[in-house]
Amino acid sequence: MVTDVGHAQRVITRTRDSETSGGVLTEIGLVTWRSLVKLTRTPVLLFFSLFMPLIWLVMFSQTFGTVFSSATSGGLPGGGSPTPLPYDYVAVLLPGITVMTAIQSASQSGFAMVSDLESGFMDKFFVAPIRRSSVLAGKLLADGLRMAAQAGIILGIAALLTLAGWRIPFATGVFGAVLIMFLAAAFGVAFSGLSNTVALRTKNTESTMMVSFSLTFPLLFLSTAMLPKALLPSWVQSFSTVNPVSYMADAARALILTGYDWTALGNAIIAIAAFGIILNGLAVMAFRAQGK
């Protein structure tokens, strides 16, 4: 904690200088850098945020791959395809894995907020000549960079699995993978608003963990993250139409399986933006209430 507080003091000293050297962009950059440096001191968080998605990628896809193949032996229902699909279930599941990783990383954002409150780091920012908006924006930018990197690792491992014979088309190539990383990071930053709001209101890690984790699996399983909409029960299909996870998953799945679906990409961006404005709006209000 002493080391962290010392680092906080150095960041705040630099932000004082930013008033004349770079303004708000410098402030955001310094807070982002501090958050990334802090993350490197706890690499175990990065490991476990990737460990479960990798387990799902390898084991879950194999467990349910046979069922998926049987269900789609004549093509997807309503798809008009008379032949079996030219890809494995892991290719269908991959977008859901990137969503799961983003949601888990978004939960870590709230944990980091509680840690900063408990260590006194945030109190130093409240009395320093730095915009509060810069503090929150810097933290979110660091979260987005971390989530994009994690999604990239997942996609890279999936690409390596194609060398072992797994049928994952990656229809849009490297640029499509970059778009998926962007979508995952954007969704994760949007979902961070929830964990940050709970963290700021409760200042309690357990409460933040409970709220974040209790929503993870309903959001995933009541969406198209695990299966295409045509294979879901009718009531799940209805719920998935209002679940932002579905729009992100559908856009990413198209990038992997078929190519650029600009309608799906547009819908995903709109859904993520709406989701983010609401949740991060709540986080901003909670943040402004701190230190008063």
C-alpha atoms as a PDB file:
ATOM      1  CA  MET A   1       0.000   0.000   0.000  1.00  0.00           C
ATOM      2  CA  VAL A   2       2.887   2.345   0.771  1.00  0.00           C
ATOM      3  CA  THR A   3       4.287   1.794  -2.711  1.00  0.00           C
ATOM      4  CA  ASP A   4       0.901   2.448  -4.275  1.00  0.00           C
ATOM      5  CA  VAL A   5       0.376   5.649  -2.301  1.00  0.00           C
ATOM      6  CA  GLY A   6       3.861   6.791  -3.265  1.00  0.00           C
ATOM      7  CA  HIS A   7       3.066   6.141  -6.912  1.00  0.00           C
ATOM      8  CA  ALA A   8      -0.208   8.025  -6.470  1.00  0.00           C
ATOM      9  CA  GLN A   9       1.698  11.035  -5.150  1.00  0.00           C
ATOM     10  CA  ARG A  10       3.975  11.014  -8.203  1.00  0.00           C
ATOM     11  CA  VAL A  11       0.979  10.808 -10.541  1.00  0.00           C
ATOM     12  CA  ILE A  12      -0.711  13.715  -8.776  1.00  0.00           C
ATOM     13  CA  THR A  13       2.479  15.783  -8.926  1.00  0.00           C
ATOM     14  CA  ARG A  14       2.616  15.217 -12.664  1.00  0.00           C
ATOM     15  CA  THR A  15      -1.048  16.160 -13.047  1.00  0.00           C
ATOM     16  CA  ARG A  16      -0.308  19.519 -11.429  1.00  0.00           C
ATOM     17  CA  ASP A  17       2.245  20.118 -14.161  1.00  0.00           C
ATOM     18  CA  SER A  18      -0.316  19.030 -16.760  1.00  0.00           C
ATOM     19  CA  GLU A  19      -2.364  22.139 -16.121  1.00  0.00           C
ATOM     20  CA  THR A  20       0.183  24.103 -18.137  1.00  0.00           C
ATOM     21  CA  SER A  21       1.663  21.384 -20.356  1.00  0.00           C
ATOM     22  CA  GLY A  22      -1.214  19.375 -21.740  1.00  0.00           C
ATOM     23  CA  GLY A  23      -4.510  19.923 -19.965  1.00  0.00           C
ATOM     24  CA  VAL A  24      -7.177  17.267 -19.846  1.00  0.00           C
ATOM     25  CA  LEU A  25      -5.513  14.883 -22.316  1.00  0.00           C
ATOM     26  CA  THR A  26      -2.346  14.799 -20.223  1.00  0.00           C
ATOM     27  CA  GLU A  27      -4.387  14.172 -17.084  1.00  0.00           C
ATOM     28  CA  ILE A  28      -6.232  11.282 -18.710  1.00  0.00           C
ATOM     29  CA  GLY A  29      -2.976   9.872 -20.039  1.00  0.00           C
ATOM     30  CA  LEU A  30      -1.315   9.945 -16.623  1.00  0.00           C
ATOM     31  CA  VAL A  31      -4.254   8.266 -14.896  1.00  0.00           C
ATOM     32  CA  THR A  32      -4.359   5.641 -17.654  1.00  0.00           C
ATOM     33  CA  TRP A  33      -0.641   4.986 -17.281  1.00  0.00           C
ATOM     34  CA  ARG A  34      -0.969   4.669 -13.515  1.00  0.00           C
ATOM     35  CA  SER A  35      -3.813   2.141 -13.873  1.00  0.00           C
ATOM     36  CA  LEU A  36      -1.826   0.043 -16.343  1.00  0.00           C
ATOM     37  CA  VAL A  37       1.289   0.121 -14.154  1.00  0.00           C
ATOM     38  CA  LYS A  38      -0.778  -0.953 -11.156  1.00  0.00           C
ATOM     39  CA  LEU A  39      -2.165  -3.845 -13.186  1.00  0.00           C
ATOM     40  CA  THR A  40       1.327  -5.171 -13.926  1.00  0.00           C
ATOM     41  CA  ARG A  41       1.896  -5.483 -10.169  1.00  0.00           C
ATOM     42  CA  THR A  42      -0.973  -7.988  -9.894  1.00  0.00           C
ATOM     43  CA  PRO A  43      -0.527 -10.252 -12.931  1.00  0.00           C
ATOM     44  CA  VAL A  44      -2.560 -12.949 -11.191  1.00  0.00           C
ATOM     45  CA  LEU A  45      -5.693 -10.927 -12.058  1.00  0.00           C
ATOM     46  CA  LEU A  46      -4.808 -11.074 -15.735  1.00  0.00           C
ATOM     47  CA  PHE A  47      -4.162 -14.802 -15.514  1.00  0.00           C
ATOM     48  CA  PHE A  48      -7.465 -15.677 -13.897  1.00  0.00           C
ATOM     49  CA  SER A  49      -9.442 -13.318 -16.137  1.00  0.00           C
ATOM     50  CA  LEU A  50      -8.134 -15.384 -19.074  1.00  0.00           C
ATOM     51  CA  PHE A  51      -8.080 -18.813 -17.424  1.00  0.00           C
ATOM     52  CA  MET A  52     -11.848 -19.390 -17.307  1.00  0.00           C
ATOM     53  CA  PRO A  53     -12.512 -18.170 -20.869  1.00  0.00           C
ATOM     54  CA  LEU A  54      -9.759 -20.476 -22.121  1.00  0.00           C
ATOM     55  CA  ILE A  55     -11.339 -23.389 -20.246  1.00  0.00           C
ATOM     56  CA  TRP A  56     -14.626 -22.570 -21.951  1.00  0.00           C
ATOM     57  CA  LEU A  57     -12.959 -22.205 -25.316  1.00  0.00           C
ATOM     58  CA  VAL A  58     -11.304 -25.617 -25.153  1.00  0.00           C
ATOM     59  CA  MET A  59     -13.551 -27.765 -22.970  1.00  0.00           C
ATOM     60  CA  PHE A  60     -17.030 -26.274 -23.298  1.00  0.00           C
ATOM     61  CA  SER A  61     -16.774 -26.167 -27.078  1.00  0.00           C
ATOM     62  CA  GLN A  62     -15.799 -29.842 -27.167  1.00  0.00           C
ATOM     63  CA  THR A  63     -18.530 -30.881 -24.734  1.00  0.00           C
ATOM     64  CA  PHE A  64     -21.343 -29.247 -26.693  1.00  0.00           C
ATOM     65  CA  GLY A  65     -19.795 -29.430 -30.139  1.00  0.00           C
ATOM     66  CA  THR A  66     -21.373 -32.802 -30.885  1.00  0.00           C
ATOM     67  CA  VAL A  67     -24.818 -31.580 -29.867  1.00  0.00           C
ATOM     68  CA  PHE A  68     -24.416 -28.499 -32.053  1.00  0.00           C
ATOM     69  CA  SER A  69     -23.293 -30.603 -35.006  1.00  0.00           C
ATOM     70  CA  SER A  70     -26.318 -32.890 -34.629  1.00  0.00           C
ATOM     71  CA  ALA A  71     -28.708 -29.956 -34.366  1.00  0.00           C
ATOM     72  CA  THR A  72     -27.283 -28.314 -37.487  1.00  0.00           C
ATOM     73  CA  SER A  73     -26.568 -31.379 -39.613  1.00  0.00           C
ATOM     74  CA  GLY A  74     -28.828 -29.941 -42.323  1.00  0.00           C
ATOM     75  CA  GLY A  75     -27.771 -26.347 -41.744  1.00  0.00           C
ATOM     76  CA  LEU A  76     -29.155 -23.822 -39.293  1.00  0.00           C
ATOM     77  CA  PRO A  77     -32.982 -23.848 -38.947  1.00  0.00           C
ATOM     78  CA  GLY A  78     -34.425 -21.417 -41.445  1.00  0.00           C
ATOM     79  CA  GLY A  79     -31.030 -20.899 -43.018  1.00  0.00           C
ATOM     80  CA  GLY A  80     -31.842 -22.780 -46.193  1.00  0.00           C
ATOM     81  CA  SER A  81     -28.565 -24.705 -46.176  1.00  0.00           C
ATOM     82  CA  PRO A  82     -28.953 -28.341 -47.298  1.00  0.00           C
ATOM     83  CA  THR A  83     -25.456 -29.356 -46.186  1.00  0.00           C
ATOM     84  CA  PRO A  84     -23.661 -29.436 -42.828  1.00  0.00           C
ATOM     85  CA  LEU A  85     -22.047 -26.205 -41.721  1.00  0.00           C
ATOM     86  CA  PRO A  86     -18.399 -25.680 -42.777  1.00  0.00           C
ATOM     87  CA  TYR A  87     -17.241 -24.688 -39.302  1.00  0.00           C
ATOM     88  CA  ASP A  88     -17.134 -26.125 -35.789  1.00  0.00           C
ATOM     89  CA  TYR A  89     -19.076 -25.040 -32.733  1.00  0.00           C
ATOM     90  CA  VAL A  90     -15.950 -23.378 -31.329  1.00  0.00           C
ATOM     91  CA  ALA A  91     -16.282 -20.766 -34.086  1.00  0.00           C
ATOM     92  CA  VAL A  92     -19.840 -20.064 -32.941  1.00  0.00           C
ATOM     93  CA  LEU A  93     -18.800 -19.934 -29.287  1.00  0.00           C
ATOM     94  CA  LEU A  94     -15.769 -17.688 -29.799  1.00  0.00           C
ATOM     95  CA  PRO A  95     -17.732 -14.388 -29.739  1.00  0.00           C
ATOM     96  CA  GLY A  96     -19.358 -15.471 -26.487  1.00  0.00           C
ATOM     97  CA  ILE A  97     -15.931 -16.138 -24.995  1.00  0.00           C
ATOM     98  CA  THR A  98     -14.777 -12.623 -25.857  1.00  0.00           C
ATOM     99  CA  VAL A  99     -17.933 -11.220 -24.232  1.00  0.00           C
ATOM    100  CA  MET A 100     -17.338 -13.290 -21.097  1.00  0.00           C
ATOM    101  CA  THR A 101     -13.773 -12.021 -20.887  1.00  0.00           C
ATOM    102  CA  ALA A 102     -14.961  -8.427 -21.240  1.00  0.00           C
ATOM    103  CA  ILE A 103     -17.580  -8.848 -18.512  1.00  0.00           C
ATOM    104  CA  GLN A 104     -15.096 -10.404 -16.102  1.00  0.00           C
ATOM    105  CA  SER A 105     -12.621  -7.619 -16.801  1.00  0.00           C
ATOM    106  CA  ALA A 106     -15.356  -5.042 -16.255  1.00  0.00           C
ATOM    107  CA  SER A 107     -15.894  -6.511 -12.790  1.00  0.00           C
ATOM    108  CA  GLN A 108     -12.207  -5.974 -12.047  1.00  0.00           C
ATOM    109  CA  SER A 109     -12.726  -2.275 -12.780  1.00  0.00           C
ATOM    110  CA  GLY A 110     -15.013  -2.022  -9.771  1.00  0.00           C
ATOM    111  CA  PHE A 111     -12.579  -3.964  -7.594  1.00  0.00           C
ATOM    112  CA  ALA A 112      -9.812  -1.523  -8.541  1.00  0.00           C
ATOM    113  CA  MET A 113     -12.079   1.395  -7.662  1.00  0.00           C
ATOM    114  CA  VAL A 114     -12.714  -0.036  -4.184  1.00  0.00           C
ATOM    115  CA  SER A 115      -8.971  -0.603  -3.750  1.00  0.00           C
ATOM    116  CA  ASP A 116      -8.239   3.031  -4.618  1.00  0.00           C
ATOM    117  CA  LEU A 117     -10.870   4.219  -2.164  1.00  0.00           C
ATOM    118  CA  GLU A 118      -9.555   2.013   0.627  1.00  0.00           C
ATOM    119  CA  SER A 119      -5.893   2.928   0.055  1.00  0.00           C
ATOM    120  CA  GLY A 120      -6.583   6.651   0.137  1.00  0.00           C
ATOM    121  CA  PHE A 121      -5.437   7.132  -3.447  1.00  0.00           C
ATOM    122  CA  MET A 122      -8.801   8.541  -4.504  1.00  0.00           C
ATOM    123  CA  ASP A 123      -8.847  11.035  -1.629  1.00  0.00           C
ATOM    124  CA  LYS A 124      -5.599  12.494  -2.937  1.00  0.00           C
ATOM    125  CA  PHE A 125      -7.182  13.020  -6.330  1.00  0.00           C
ATOM    126  CA  PHE A 126     -10.209  14.716  -4.775  1.00  0.00           C
ATOM    127  CA  VAL A 127      -8.014  17.442  -3.251  1.00  0.00           C
ATOM    128  CA  ALA A 128      -5.581  17.686  -6.193  1.00  0.00           C
ATOM    129  CA  PRO A 129      -5.978  20.210  -9.030  1.00  0.00           C
ATOM    130  CA  ILE A 130      -7.189  17.589 -11.498  1.00  0.00           C
ATOM    131  CA  ARG A 131     -10.561  17.240 -13.158  1.00  0.00           C
ATOM    132  CA  ARG A 132     -12.633  14.399 -11.754  1.00  0.00           C
ATOM    133  CA  SER A 133     -13.729  13.584 -15.261  1.00  0.00           C
ATOM    134  CA  SER A 134     -10.078  12.935 -16.139  1.00  0.00           C
ATOM    135  CA  VAL A 135      -9.762  10.423 -13.320  1.00  0.00           C
ATOM    136  CA  LEU A 136     -12.762   8.379 -14.424  1.00  0.00           C
ATOM    137  CA  ALA A 137     -11.921   8.705 -18.132  1.00  0.00           C
ATOM    138  CA  GLY A 138      -8.338   7.578 -17.500  1.00  0.00           C
ATOM    139  CA  LYS A 139      -9.486   4.530 -15.597  1.00  0.00           C
ATOM    140  CA  LEU A 140     -11.966   3.591 -18.327  1.00  0.00           C
ATOM    141  CA  LEU A 141      -9.346   4.041 -21.043  1.00  0.00           C
ATOM    142  CA  ALA A 142      -6.990   1.712 -19.180  1.00  0.00           C
ATOM    143  CA  ASP A 143      -9.817  -0.805 -18.812  1.00  0.00           C
ATOM    144  CA  GLY A 144     -10.558  -0.619 -22.531  1.00  0.00           C
ATOM    145  CA  LEU A 145      -6.927  -1.217 -23.479  1.00  0.00           C
ATOM    146  CA  ARG A 146      -6.740  -4.190 -21.108  1.00  0.00           C
ATOM    147  CA  MET A 147      -9.955  -5.696 -22.478  1.00  0.00           C
ATOM    148  CA  ALA A 148      -8.856  -5.271 -26.087  1.00  0.00           C
ATOM    149  CA  ALA A 149      -5.569  -7.014 -25.290  1.00  0.00           C
ATOM    150  CA  GLN A 150      -7.362  -9.880 -23.563  1.00  0.00           C
ATOM    151  CA  ALA A 151      -9.735 -10.332 -26.506  1.00  0.00           C
ATOM    152  CA  GLY A 152      -6.727 -10.328 -28.805  1.00  0.00           C
ATOM    153  CA  ILE A 153      -5.103 -13.099 -26.784  1.00  0.00           C
ATOM    154  CA  ILE A 154      -8.268 -15.198 -26.955  1.00  0.00           C
ATOM    155  CA  LEU A 155      -8.510 -14.706 -30.722  1.00  0.00           C
ATOM    156  CA  GLY A 156      -4.803 -15.481 -31.132  1.00  0.00           C
ATOM    157  CA  ILE A 157      -5.164 -18.761 -29.268  1.00  0.00           C
ATOM    158  CA  ALA A 158      -8.213 -19.619 -31.397  1.00  0.00           C
ATOM    159  CA  ALA A 159      -6.154 -18.911 -34.524  1.00  0.00           C
ATOM    160  CA  LEU A 160      -3.471 -21.300 -33.289  1.00  0.00           C
ATOM    161  CA  LEU A 161      -6.128 -23.962 -32.751  1.00  0.00           C
ATOM    162  CA  THR A 162      -6.940 -23.829 -36.453  1.00  0.00           C
ATOM    163  CA  LEU A 163      -3.498 -25.332 -37.026  1.00  0.00           C
ATOM    164  CA  ALA A 164      -4.687 -28.359 -35.055  1.00  0.00           C
ATOM    165  CA  GLY A 165      -7.621 -28.806 -37.419  1.00  0.00           C
ATOM    166  CA  TRP A 166     -10.314 -26.781 -35.635  1.00  0.00           C
ATOM    167  CA  ARG A 167     -12.586 -25.201 -38.235  1.00  0.00           C
ATOM    168  CA  ILE A 168     -12.663 -21.480 -37.378  1.00  0.00           C
ATOM    169  CA  PRO A 169     -12.999 -19.513 -40.641  1.00  0.00           C
ATOM    170  CA  PHE A 170     -11.900 -16.015 -39.519  1.00  0.00           C
ATOM    171  CA  ALA A 171     -13.693 -14.812 -42.643  1.00  0.00           C
ATOM    172  CA  THR A 172     -12.610 -11.178 -42.269  1.00  0.00           C
ATOM    173  CA  GLY A 173      -9.013 -11.871 -41.324  1.00  0.00           C
ATOM    174  CA  VAL A 174      -6.864  -9.618 -39.172  1.00  0.00           C
ATOM    175  CA  PHE A 175      -9.002  -6.505 -39.651  1.00  0.00           C
ATOM    176  CA  GLY A 176     -12.065  -8.416 -38.523  1.00  0.00           C
ATOM    177  CA  ALA A 177     -10.182  -9.590 -35.431  1.00  0.00           C
ATOM    178  CA  VAL A 178      -9.313  -5.966 -34.650  1.00  0.00           C
ATOM    179  CA  LEU A 179     -12.996  -5.052 -34.952  1.00  0.00           C
ATOM    180  CA  ILE A 180     -13.892  -7.853 -32.536  1.00  0.00           C
ATOM    181  CA  MET A 181     -11.291  -6.546 -30.093  1.00  0.00           C
ATOM    182  CA  PHE A 182     -12.843  -3.081 -30.400  1.00  0.00           C
ATOM    183  CA  LEU A 183     -16.361  -4.424 -29.809  1.00  0.00           C
ATOM    184  CA  ALA A 184     -15.231  -6.447 -26.787  1.00  0.00           C
ATOM    185  CA  ALA A 185     -13.403  -3.458 -25.297  1.00  0.00           C
ATOM    186  CA  ALA A 186     -16.346  -1.134 -25.937  1.00  0.00           C
ATOM    187  CA  PHE A 187     -18.790  -3.561 -24.357  1.00  0.00           C
ATOM    188  CA  GLY A 188     -16.475  -4.097 -21.388  1.00  0.00           C
ATOM    189  CA  VAL A 189     -16.088  -0.353 -20.814  1.00  0.00           C
ATOM    190  CA  ALA A 190     -19.867   0.010 -20.996  1.00  0.00           C
ATOM    191  CA  PHE A 191     -20.369  -2.779 -18.456  1.00  0.00           C
ATOM    192  CA  SER A 192     -17.664  -1.257 -16.228  1.00  0.00           C
ATOM    193  CA  GLY A 193     -20.168   1.468 -15.436  1.00  0.00           C
ATOM    194  CA  LEU A 194     -22.194  -1.014 -13.396  1.00  0.00           C
ATOM    195  CA  SER A 195     -19.306  -2.348 -11.314  1.00  0.00           C
ATOM    196  CA  ASN A 196     -17.917   1.160 -10.779  1.00  0.00           C
ATOM    197  CA  THR A 197     -21.312   2.445  -9.676  1.00  0.00           C
ATOM    198  CA  VAL A 198     -21.709  -0.359  -7.144  1.00  0.00           C
ATOM    199  CA  ALA A 199     -18.115   0.112  -5.978  1.00  0.00           C
ATOM    200  CA  LEU A 200     -18.531   3.851  -5.466  1.00  0.00           C
ATOM    201  CA  ARG A 201     -21.878   3.510  -3.714  1.00  0.00           C
ATOM    202  CA  THR A 202     -20.977   0.610  -1.422  1.00  0.00           C
ATOM    203  CA  LYS A 203     -17.164   0.923  -1.164  1.00  0.00           C
ATOM    204  CA  ASN A 204     -17.260  -2.832  -0.672  1.00  0.00           C
ATOM    205  CA  THR A 205     -15.487  -5.464  -2.770  1.00  0.00           C
ATOM    206  CA  GLU A 206     -17.911  -8.266  -1.837  1.00  0.00           C
ATOM    207  CA  SER A 207     -20.967  -6.266  -2.928  1.00  0.00           C
ATOM    208  CA  THR A 208     -19.285  -5.292  -6.174  1.00  0.00           C
ATOM    209  CA  MET A 209     -18.337  -8.912  -6.824  1.00  0.00           C
ATOM    210  CA  MET A 210     -21.816 -10.221  -6.042  1.00  0.00           C
ATOM    211  CA  VAL A 211     -23.627  -7.783  -8.329  1.00  0.00           C
ATOM    212  CA  SER A 212     -21.179  -8.182 -11.208  1.00  0.00           C
ATOM    213  CA  PHE A 213     -20.923 -11.967 -11.120  1.00  0.00           C
ATOM    214  CA  SER A 214     -24.632 -12.533 -10.567  1.00  0.00           C
ATOM    215  CA  LEU A 215     -25.373 -10.790 -13.868  1.00  0.00           C
ATOM    216  CA  THR A 216     -22.658 -12.471 -15.921  1.00  0.00           C
ATOM    217  CA  PHE A 217     -24.313 -15.802 -16.655  1.00  0.00           C
ATOM    218  CA  PRO A 218     -27.880 -14.490 -17.197  1.00  0.00           C
ATOM    219  CA  LEU A 219     -26.515 -11.977 -19.696  1.00  0.00           C
ATOM    220  CA  LEU A 220     -24.559 -14.697 -21.491  1.00  0.00           C
ATOM    221  CA  PHE A 221     -27.123 -17.509 -21.532  1.00  0.00           C
ATOM    222  CA  LEU A 222     -30.113 -15.271 -22.283  1.00  0.00           C
ATOM    223  CA  SER A 223     -28.428 -14.004 -25.410  1.00  0.00           C
ATOM    224  CA  THR A 224     -27.028 -15.312 -28.669  1.00  0.00           C
ATOM    225  CA  ALA A 225     -23.508 -15.509 -27.197  1.00  0.00           C
ATOM    226  CA  MET A 226     -23.604 -19.284 -26.810  1.00  0.00           C
ATOM    227  CA  LEU A 227     -25.827 -20.268 -29.743  1.00  0.00           C
ATOM    228  CA  PRO A 228     -27.342 -18.632 -32.834  1.00  0.00           C
ATOM    229  CA  LYS A 229     -30.811 -17.215 -32.251  1.00  0.00           C
ATOM    230  CA  ALA A 230     -32.455 -19.901 -34.407  1.00  0.00           C
ATOM    231  CA  LEU A 231     -31.369 -22.627 -31.961  1.00  0.00           C
ATOM    232  CA  LEU A 232     -32.595 -20.863 -28.799  1.00  0.00           C
ATOM    233  CA  PRO A 233     -35.935 -21.508 -27.080  1.00  0.00           C
ATOM    234  CA  SER A 234     -38.580 -19.003 -28.103  1.00  0.00           C
ATOM    235  CA  TRP A 235     -38.673 -17.221 -24.741  1.00  0.00           C
ATOM    236  CA  VAL A 236     -34.882 -16.832 -24.770  1.00  0.00           C
ATOM    237  CA  GLN A 237     -35.110 -15.471 -28.317  1.00  0.00           C
ATOM    238  CA  SER A 238     -37.523 -12.817 -27.065  1.00  0.00           C
ATOM    239  CA  PHE A 239     -35.224 -11.807 -24.199  1.00  0.00           C
ATOM    240  CA  SER A 240     -32.162 -11.806 -26.443  1.00  0.00           C
ATOM    241  CA  THR A 241     -33.635  -9.027 -28.573  1.00  0.00           C
ATOM    242  CA  VAL A 242     -33.256  -6.585 -25.657  1.00  0.00           C
ATOM    243  CA  ASN A 243     -29.959  -7.991 -24.412  1.00  0.00           C
ATOM    244  CA  PRO A 244     -26.970  -5.894 -25.606  1.00  0.00           C
ATOM    245  CA  VAL A 245     -24.759  -8.981 -25.415  1.00  0.00           C
ATOM    246  CA  SER A 246     -26.685 -10.447 -28.367  1.00  0.00           C
ATOM    247  CA  TYR A 247     -25.866  -7.531 -30.638  1.00  0.00           C
ATOM    248  CA  MET A 248     -22.180  -7.680 -29.804  1.00  0.00           C
ATOM    249  CA  ALA A 249     -22.122 -11.473 -30.256  1.00  0.00           C
ATOM    250  CA  ASP A 250     -24.019 -11.385 -33.569  1.00  0.00           C
ATOM    251  CA  ALA A 251     -21.678  -8.788 -35.059  1.00  0.00           C
ATOM    252  CA  ALA A 252     -18.550 -10.633 -33.899  1.00  0.00           C
ATOM    253  CA  ARG A 253     -19.903 -13.991 -35.088  1.00  0.00           C
ATOM    254  CA  ALA A 254     -20.553 -12.614 -38.553  1.00  0.00           C
ATOM    255  CA  LEU A 255     -16.983 -11.313 -38.697  1.00  0.00           C
ATOM    256  CA  ILE A 256     -15.719 -14.804 -37.873  1.00  0.00           C
ATOM    257  CA  LEU A 257     -18.097 -16.957 -39.907  1.00  0.00           C
ATOM    258  CA  THR A 258     -19.308 -15.080 -42.974  1.00  0.00           C
ATOM    259  CA  GLY A 259     -17.870 -11.594 -43.424  1.00  0.00           C
ATOM    260  CA  TYR A 260     -18.790  -7.971 -42.822  1.00  0.00           C
ATOM    261  CA  ASP A 261     -22.410  -7.538 -41.778  1.00  0.00           C
ATOM    262  CA  TRP A 262     -22.649  -3.767 -41.534  1.00  0.00           C
ATOM    263  CA  THR A 263     -26.199  -3.873 -40.204  1.00  0.00           C
ATOM    264  CA  ALA A 264     -25.121  -6.142 -37.352  1.00  0.00           C
ATOM    265  CA  LEU A 265     -22.072  -3.952 -36.669  1.00  0.00           C
ATOM    266  CA  GLY A 266     -24.212  -0.817 -36.606  1.00  0.00           C
ATOM    267  CA  ASN A 267     -26.732  -2.412 -34.259  1.00  0.00           C
ATOM    268  CA  ALA A 268     -23.905  -3.559 -31.983  1.00  0.00           C
ATOM    269  CA  ILE A 269     -22.394  -0.086 -31.781  1.00  0.00           C
ATOM    270  CA  ILE A 270     -25.784   1.493 -31.062  1.00  0.00           C
ATOM    271  CA  ALA A 271     -26.618  -1.088 -28.373  1.00  0.00           C
ATOM    272  CA  ILE A 272     -23.204  -0.797 -26.706  1.00  0.00           C
ATOM    273  CA  ALA A 273     -23.375   3.015 -26.802  1.00  0.00           C
ATOM    274  CA  ALA A 274     -26.836   3.066 -25.219  1.00  0.00           C
ATOM    275  CA  PHE A 275     -25.778   0.510 -22.609  1.00  0.00           C
ATOM    276  CA  GLY A 276     -22.626   2.482 -21.855  1.00  0.00           C
ATOM    277  CA  ILE A 277     -24.313   5.871 -21.601  1.00  0.00           C
ATOM    278  CA  ILE A 278     -26.800   4.571 -19.042  1.00  0.00           C
ATOM    279  CA  LEU A 279     -24.377   2.606 -16.859  1.00  0.00           C
ATOM    280  CA  ASN A 280     -21.465   5.027 -17.052  1.00  0.00           C
ATOM    281  CA  GLY A 281     -23.875   7.903 -16.476  1.00  0.00           C
ATOM    282  CA  LEU A 282     -24.732   6.269 -13.162  1.00  0.00           C
ATOM    283  CA  ALA A 283     -21.014   5.844 -12.449  1.00  0.00           C
ATOM    284  CA  VAL A 284     -20.351   9.531 -13.159  1.00  0.00           C
ATOM    285  CA  MET A 285     -23.089  10.586 -10.735  1.00  0.00           C
ATOM    286  CA  ALA A 286     -21.694   8.238  -8.065  1.00  0.00           C
ATOM    287  CA  PHE A 287     -18.174   9.544  -8.691  1.00  0.00           C
ATOM    288  CA  ARG A 288     -19.221  13.161  -8.394  1.00  0.00           C
ATOM    289  CA  ALA A 289     -20.795  12.374  -5.029  1.00  0.00           C
ATOM    290  CA  GLN A 290     -17.446  11.229  -3.650  1.00  0.00           C
ATOM    291  CA  GLY A 291     -15.322  13.570  -1.581  1.00  0.00           C
ATOM    292  CA  LYS A 292     -18.156  15.988  -0.841  1.00  0.00           C
END
